[in-house]
């Protein structure tokens, strides 16, 4: 039977999210069939001064959602 597992992380800590997915797969002994991901649009600070750079206008890291399609062994 195929199942789905979701993982959520932040774009500035992708390595942690990768580690979390890999550790879960290994500890559960699952066969991964497919992995897909999506990153949320960045949030902008509406109170930032006009002409400020994109770097200073972004308020927070975007969320990343990883969807894992797997089978239990």
PDB file of N, CA and C in Angstrom:
ATOM      1  N   UNK A   1       0.836  -1.169   0.000  1.00  0.00           N
ATOM      2  CA  UNK A   1       0.000   0.000   0.000  1.00  0.00           C
ATOM      3  C   UNK A   1       0.892   1.247   0.000  1.00  0.00           C
ATOM      4  N   UNK A   2       0.569   2.195  -0.856  1.00  0.00           N
ATOM      5  CA  UNK A   2       1.332   3.432  -0.918  1.00  0.00           C
ATOM      6  C   UNK A   2       0.803   4.425   0.114  1.00  0.00           C
ATOM      7  N   UNK A   3       1.734   5.173   0.683  1.00  0.00           N
ATOM      8  CA  UNK A   3       1.387   6.163   1.703  1.00  0.00           C
ATOM      9  C   UNK A   3       2.129   7.463   1.419  1.00  0.00           C
ATOM     10  N   UNK A   4       1.685   8.529   2.087  1.00  0.00           N
ATOM     11  CA  UNK A   4       2.290   9.850   1.928  1.00  0.00           C
ATOM     12  C   UNK A   4       2.753  10.361   3.280  1.00  0.00           C
ATOM     13  N   UNK A   5       3.914  10.988   3.302  1.00  0.00           N
ATOM     14  CA  UNK A   5       4.451  11.632   4.501  1.00  0.00           C
ATOM     15  C   UNK A   5       4.864  13.044   4.107  1.00  0.00           C
ATOM     16  N   UNK A   6       4.494  14.031   4.933  1.00  0.00           N
ATOM     17  CA  UNK A   6       4.834  15.423   4.678  1.00  0.00           C
ATOM     18  C   UNK A   6       5.876  15.907   5.673  1.00  0.00           C
ATOM     19  N   UNK A   7       6.803  16.708   5.183  1.00  0.00           N
ATOM     20  CA  UNK A   7       7.818  17.342   6.024  1.00  0.00           C
ATOM     21  C   UNK A   7       7.799  18.828   5.727  1.00  0.00           C
ATOM     22  N   UNK A   8       7.984  19.636   6.760  1.00  0.00           N
ATOM     23  CA  UNK A   8       8.008  21.086   6.583  1.00  0.00           C
ATOM     24  C   UNK A   8       9.305  21.629   7.164  1.00  0.00           C
ATOM     25  N   UNK A   9       9.917  22.561   6.434  1.00  0.00           N
ATOM     26  CA  UNK A   9      11.143  23.177   6.903  1.00  0.00           C
ATOM     27  C   UNK A   9      11.251  24.586   6.365  1.00  0.00           C
ATOM     28  N   UNK A  10      12.401  25.203   6.587  1.00  0.00           N
ATOM     29  CA  UNK A  10      12.647  26.563   6.127  1.00  0.00           C
ATOM     30  C   UNK A  10      13.751  26.578   5.082  1.00  0.00           C
ATOM     31  N   UNK A  11      13.645  27.522   4.149  1.00  0.00           N
ATOM     32  CA  UNK A  11      14.615  27.577   3.058  1.00  0.00           C
ATOM     33  C   UNK A  11      16.035  27.848   3.519  1.00  0.00           C
ATOM     34  N   UNK A  12      16.200  28.458   4.682  1.00  0.00           N
ATOM     35  CA  UNK A  12      17.557  28.738   5.147  1.00  0.00           C
ATOM     36  C   UNK A  12      18.152  27.579   5.951  1.00  0.00           C
ATOM     37  N   UNK A  13      17.427  26.459   6.033  1.00  0.00           N
ATOM     38  CA  UNK A  13      17.931  25.289   6.751  1.00  0.00           C
ATOM     39  C   UNK A  13      17.585  24.006   5.988  1.00  0.00           C
ATOM     40  N   UNK A  14      17.901  23.998   4.702  1.00  0.00           N
ATOM     41  CA  UNK A  14      17.579  22.857   3.848  1.00  0.00           C
ATOM     42  C   UNK A  14      18.309  21.597   4.298  1.00  0.00           C
ATOM     43  N   UNK A  15      19.546  21.736   4.741  1.00  0.00           N
ATOM     44  CA  UNK A  15      20.313  20.561   5.182  1.00  0.00           C
ATOM     45  C   UNK A  15      19.614  19.841   6.330  1.00  0.00           C
ATOM     46  N   UNK A  16      19.032  20.586   7.265  1.00  0.00           N
ATOM     47  CA  UNK A  16      18.300  19.972   8.373  1.00  0.00           C
ATOM     48  C   UNK A  16      17.091  19.199   7.849  1.00  0.00           C
ATOM     49  N   UNK A  17      16.382  19.770   6.883  1.00  0.00           N
ATOM     50  CA  UNK A  17      15.211  19.108   6.308  1.00  0.00           C
ATOM     51  C   UNK A  17      15.616  17.827   5.583  1.00  0.00           C
ATOM     52  N   UNK A  18      16.697  17.873   4.831  1.00  0.00           N
ATOM     53  CA  UNK A  18      17.200  16.673   4.152  1.00  0.00           C
ATOM     54  C   UNK A  18      17.540  15.591   5.171  1.00  0.00           C
ATOM     55  N   UNK A  19      18.219  15.983   6.232  1.00  0.00           N
ATOM     56  CA  UNK A  19      18.602  15.038   7.277  1.00  0.00           C
ATOM     57  C   UNK A  19      17.368  14.413   7.921  1.00  0.00           C
ATOM     58  N   UNK A  20      16.357  15.242   8.169  1.00  0.00           N
ATOM     59  CA  UNK A  20      15.117  14.762   8.784  1.00  0.00           C
ATOM     60  C   UNK A  20      14.426  13.717   7.902  1.00  0.00           C
ATOM     61  N   UNK A  21      14.341  13.972   6.608  1.00  0.00           N
ATOM     62  CA  UNK A  21      13.705  13.030   5.684  1.00  0.00           C
ATOM     63  C   UNK A  21      14.510  11.738   5.618  1.00  0.00           C
ATOM     64  N   UNK A  22      15.829  11.844   5.479  1.00  0.00           N
ATOM     65  CA  UNK A  22      16.671  10.647   5.383  1.00  0.00           C
ATOM     66  C   UNK A  22      16.635   9.807   6.653  1.00  0.00           C
ATOM     67  N   UNK A  23      16.682  10.454   7.806  1.00  0.00           N
ATOM     68  CA  UNK A  23      16.633   9.716   9.074  1.00  0.00           C
ATOM     69  C   UNK A  23      15.292   9.012   9.240  1.00  0.00           C
ATOM     70  N   UNK A  24      14.218   9.681   8.861  1.00  0.00           N
ATOM     71  CA  UNK A  24      12.891   9.060   8.952  1.00  0.00           C
ATOM     72  C   UNK A  24      12.823   7.823   8.062  1.00  0.00           C
ATOM     73  N   UNK A  25      13.264   7.957   6.804  1.00  0.00           N
ATOM     74  CA  UNK A  25      13.203   6.840   5.865  1.00  0.00           C
ATOM     75  C   UNK A  25      14.015   5.649   6.360  1.00  0.00           C
ATOM     76  N   UNK A  26      15.189   5.934   6.892  1.00  0.00           N
ATOM     77  CA  UNK A  26      16.046   4.853   7.393  1.00  0.00           C
ATOM     78  C   UNK A  26      15.453   4.193   8.638  1.00  0.00           C
ATOM     79  N   UNK A  27      14.958   5.003   9.563  1.00  0.00           N
ATOM     80  CA  UNK A  27      14.417   4.446  10.813  1.00  0.00           C
ATOM     81  C   UNK A  27      13.136   3.650  10.585  1.00  0.00           C
ATOM     82  N   UNK A  28      12.346   4.038   9.588  1.00  0.00           N
ATOM     83  CA  UNK A  28      11.088   3.348   9.294  1.00  0.00           C
ATOM     84  C   UNK A  28      11.266   2.188   8.325  1.00  0.00           C
ATOM     85  N   UNK A  29      12.411   2.139   7.657  1.00  0.00           N
ATOM     86  CA  UNK A  29      12.674   1.069   6.694  1.00  0.00           C
ATOM     87  C   UNK A  29      11.703   1.088   5.519  1.00  0.00           C
ATOM     88  N   UNK A  30      11.422   2.269   4.997  1.00  0.00           N
ATOM     89  CA  UNK A  30      10.461   2.393   3.912  1.00  0.00           C
ATOM     90  C   UNK A  30      11.157   2.433   2.559  1.00  0.00           C
ATOM     91  N   UNK A  31      10.406   2.135   1.515  1.00  0.00           N
ATOM     92  CA  UNK A  31      10.883   2.258   0.145  1.00  0.00           C
ATOM     93  C   UNK A  31      10.277   3.545  -0.402  1.00  0.00           C
ATOM     94  N   UNK A  32      11.121   4.522  -0.699  1.00  0.00           N
ATOM     95  CA  UNK A  32      10.640   5.794  -1.218  1.00  0.00           C
ATOM     96  C   UNK A  32      10.388   5.657  -2.716  1.00  0.00           C
ATOM     97  N   UNK A  33       9.185   6.015  -3.127  1.00  0.00           N
ATOM     98  CA  UNK A  33       8.800   5.931  -4.526  1.00  0.00           C
ATOM     99  C   UNK A  33       8.963   7.263  -5.257  1.00  0.00           C
ATOM    100  N   UNK A  34       8.699   8.353  -4.541  1.00  0.00           N
ATOM    101  CA  UNK A  34       8.782   9.671  -5.166  1.00  0.00           C
ATOM    102  C   UNK A  34       8.893  10.738  -4.083  1.00  0.00           C
ATOM    103  N   UNK A  35       9.656  11.780  -4.375  1.00  0.00           N
ATOM    104  CA  UNK A  35       9.759  12.935  -3.483  1.00  0.00           C
ATOM    105  C   UNK A  35       9.530  14.180  -4.326  1.00  0.00           C
ATOM    106  N   UNK A  36       8.679  15.060  -3.820  1.00  0.00           N
ATOM    107  CA  UNK A  36       8.490  16.351  -4.481  1.00  0.00           C
ATOM    108  C   UNK A  36       8.476  17.431  -3.411  1.00  0.00           C
ATOM    109  N   UNK A  37       8.723  18.663  -3.824  1.00  0.00           N
ATOM    110  CA  UNK A  37       8.761  19.742  -2.847  1.00  0.00           C
ATOM    111  C   UNK A  37       8.206  21.020  -3.447  1.00  0.00           C
ATOM    112  N   UNK A  38       7.866  21.924  -2.562  1.00  0.00           N
ATOM    113  CA  UNK A  38       7.332  23.222  -2.962  1.00  0.00           C
ATOM    114  C   UNK A  38       7.830  24.253  -1.964  1.00  0.00           C
ATOM    115  N   UNK A  39       8.178  25.414  -2.467  1.00  0.00           N
ATOM    116  CA  UNK A  39       8.629  26.493  -1.594  1.00  0.00           C
ATOM    117  C   UNK A  39       7.591  27.611  -1.658  1.00  0.00           C
ATOM    118  N   UNK A  40       7.237  28.128  -0.493  1.00  0.00           N
ATOM    119  CA  UNK A  40       6.248  29.209  -0.425  1.00  0.00           C
ATOM    120  C   UNK A  40       6.849  30.503  -0.946  1.00  0.00           C
ATOM    121  N   UNK A  41       5.984  31.353  -1.427  1.00  0.00           N
ATOM    122  CA  UNK A  41       6.436  32.682  -1.857  1.00  0.00           C
ATOM    123  C   UNK A  41       7.005  33.421  -0.652  1.00  0.00           C
ATOM    124  N   UNK A  42       8.019  34.225  -0.889  1.00  0.00           N
ATOM    125  CA  UNK A  42       8.629  34.971   0.210  1.00  0.00           C
ATOM    126  C   UNK A  42       7.700  36.063   0.698  1.00  0.00           C
ATOM    127  N   UNK A  43       7.776  36.333   1.978  1.00  0.00           N
ATOM    128  CA  UNK A  43       6.989  37.402   2.576  1.00  0.00           C
ATOM    129  C   UNK A  43       7.786  38.696   2.501  1.00  0.00           C
ATOM    130  N   UNK A  44       7.119  39.746   2.151  1.00  0.00           N
ATOM    131  CA  UNK A  44       7.776  41.045   2.041  1.00  0.00           C
ATOM    132  C   UNK A  44       7.303  41.971   3.144  1.00  0.00           C
ATOM    133  N   UNK A  45       8.176  42.830   3.563  1.00  0.00           N
ATOM    134  CA  UNK A  45       7.907  43.780   4.629  1.00  0.00           C
ATOM    135  C   UNK A  45       7.280  45.040   4.018  1.00  0.00           C
ATOM    136  N   UNK A  46       5.979  45.254   4.230  1.00  0.00           N
ATOM    137  CA  UNK A  46       5.329  46.414   3.614  1.00  0.00           C
ATOM    138  C   UNK A  46       5.827  47.744   4.164  1.00  0.00           C
ATOM    139  N   UNK A  47       6.448  47.740   5.324  1.00  0.00           N
ATOM    140  CA  UNK A  47       6.939  48.991   5.907  1.00  0.00           C
ATOM    141  C   UNK A  47       8.369  49.325   5.481  1.00  0.00           C
ATOM    142  N   UNK A  48       8.969  48.472   4.621  1.00  0.00           N
ATOM    143  CA  UNK A  48      10.325  48.747   4.149  1.00  0.00           C
ATOM    144  C   UNK A  48      10.328  50.006   3.293  1.00  0.00           C
ATOM    145  N   UNK A  49      11.414  50.724   3.356  1.00  0.00           N
ATOM    146  CA  UNK A  49      11.534  51.980   2.609  1.00  0.00           C
ATOM    147  C   UNK A  49      11.570  51.716   1.108  1.00  0.00           C
ATOM    148  N   UNK A  50      10.992  52.630   0.355  1.00  0.00           N
ATOM    149  CA  UNK A  50      11.013  52.544  -1.100  1.00  0.00           C
ATOM    150  C   UNK A  50      12.463  52.567  -1.574  1.00  0.00           C
ATOM    151  N   UNK A  51      12.764  51.711  -2.514  1.00  0.00           N
ATOM    152  CA  UNK A  51      14.115  51.657  -3.052  1.00  0.00           C
ATOM    153  C   UNK A  51      15.037  50.735  -2.274  1.00  0.00           C
ATOM    154  N   UNK A  52      14.527  50.131  -1.202  1.00  0.00           N
ATOM    155  CA  UNK A  52      15.385  49.209  -0.451  1.00  0.00           C
ATOM    156  C   UNK A  52      15.588  47.949  -1.287  1.00  0.00           C
ATOM    157  N   UNK A  53      16.669  47.279  -1.030  1.00  0.00           N
ATOM    158  CA  UNK A  53      16.987  46.092  -1.823  1.00  0.00           C
ATOM    159  C   UNK A  53      16.071  44.941  -1.451  1.00  0.00           C
ATOM    160  N   UNK A  54      16.000  43.983  -2.339  1.00  0.00           N
ATOM    161  CA  UNK A  54      15.193  42.787  -2.087  1.00  0.00           C
ATOM    162  C   UNK A  54      15.670  42.083  -0.824  1.00  0.00           C
ATOM    163  N   UNK A  55      16.976  42.079  -0.595  1.00  0.00           N
ATOM    164  CA  UNK A  55      17.540  41.414   0.574  1.00  0.00           C
ATOM    165  C   UNK A  55      16.992  41.999   1.873  1.00  0.00           C
ATOM    166  N   UNK A  56      16.874  43.311   1.947  1.00  0.00           N
ATOM    167  CA  UNK A  56      16.409  43.943   3.189  1.00  0.00           C
ATOM    168  C   UNK A  56      14.894  43.996   3.270  1.00  0.00           C
ATOM    169  N   UNK A  57      14.202  43.733   2.171  1.00  0.00           N
ATOM    170  CA  UNK A  57      12.748  43.800   2.151  1.00  0.00           C
ATOM    171  C   UNK A  57      12.095  42.475   2.542  1.00  0.00           C
ATOM    172  N   UNK A  58      12.831  41.383   2.473  1.00  0.00           N
ATOM    173  CA  UNK A  58      12.294  40.077   2.830  1.00  0.00           C
ATOM    174  C   UNK A  58      12.290  39.942   4.344  1.00  0.00           C
ATOM    175  N   UNK A  59      11.139  39.572   4.907  1.00  0.00           N
ATOM    176  CA  UNK A  59      11.028  39.528   6.360  1.00  0.00           C
ATOM    177  C   UNK A  59      11.399  38.184   6.971  1.00  0.00           C
ATOM    178  N   UNK A  60      11.186  37.110   6.255  1.00  0.00           N
ATOM    179  CA  UNK A  60      11.450  35.801   6.849  1.00  0.00           C
ATOM    180  C   UNK A  60      11.746  34.773   5.767  1.00  0.00           C
ATOM    181  N   UNK A  61      12.362  33.689   6.181  1.00  0.00           N
ATOM    182  CA  UNK A  61      12.617  32.585   5.258  1.00  0.00           C
ATOM    183  C   UNK A  61      11.300  31.945   4.845  1.00  0.00           C
ATOM    184  N   UNK A  62      11.249  31.465   3.635  1.00  0.00           N
ATOM    185  CA  UNK A  62      10.048  30.802   3.136  1.00  0.00           C
ATOM    186  C   UNK A  62       9.985  29.370   3.649  1.00  0.00           C
ATOM    187  N   UNK A  63       8.766  28.875   3.759  1.00  0.00           N
ATOM    188  CA  UNK A  63       8.555  27.480   4.137  1.00  0.00           C
ATOM    189  C   UNK A  63       8.795  26.580   2.931  1.00  0.00           C
ATOM    190  N   UNK A  64       9.314  25.386   3.212  1.00  0.00           N
ATOM    191  CA  UNK A  64       9.459  24.354   2.194  1.00  0.00           C
ATOM    192  C   UNK A  64       8.632  23.165   2.645  1.00  0.00           C
ATOM    193  N   UNK A  65       7.819  22.648   1.743  1.00  0.00           N
ATOM    194  CA  UNK A  65       7.021  21.458   2.017  1.00  0.00           C
ATOM    195  C   UNK A  65       7.545  20.334   1.147  1.00  0.00           C
ATOM    196  N   UNK A  66       7.913  19.218   1.775  1.00  0.00           N
ATOM    197  CA  UNK A  66       8.408  18.046   1.059  1.00  0.00           C
ATOM    198  C   UNK A  66       7.375  16.940   1.202  1.00  0.00           C
ATOM    199  N   UNK A  67       6.964  16.383   0.073  1.00  0.00           N
ATOM    200  CA  UNK A  67       5.994  15.288   0.054  1.00  0.00           C
ATOM    201  C   UNK A  67       6.722  14.021  -0.369  1.00  0.00           C
ATOM    202  N   UNK A  68       6.606  12.996   0.457  1.00  0.00           N
ATOM    203  CA  UNK A  68       7.266  11.716   0.183  1.00  0.00           C
ATOM    204  C   UNK A  68       6.201  10.654  -0.043  1.00  0.00           C
ATOM    205  N   UNK A  69       6.235  10.032  -1.203  1.00  0.00           N
ATOM    206  CA  UNK A  69       5.372   8.897  -1.504  1.00  0.00           C
ATOM    207  C   UNK A  69       6.193   7.638  -1.235  1.00  0.00           C
ATOM    208  N   UNK A  70       5.678   6.744  -0.390  1.00  0.00           N
ATOM    209  CA  UNK A  70       6.480   5.589   0.026  1.00  0.00           C
ATOM    210  C   UNK A  70       5.622   4.351   0.213  1.00  0.00           C
ATOM    211  N   UNK A  71       6.319   3.219   0.339  1.00  0.00           N
ATOM    212  CA  UNK A  71       5.689   1.942   0.690  1.00  0.00           C
ATOM    213  C   UNK A  71       6.408   1.380   1.898  1.00  0.00           C
ATOM    214  N   UNK A  72       5.646   0.768   2.794  1.00  0.00           N
ATOM    215  CA  UNK A  72       6.243   0.068   3.928  1.00  0.00           C
ATOM    216  C   UNK A  72       6.786  -1.270   3.442  1.00  0.00           C
ATOM    217  N   UNK A  73       7.978  -1.615   3.902  1.00  0.00           N
ATOM    218  CA  UNK A  73       8.578  -2.914   3.546  1.00  0.00           C
ATOM    219  C   UNK A  73       8.032  -4.024   4.387  1.00  0.00           C
TER     220      UNK A  73
END
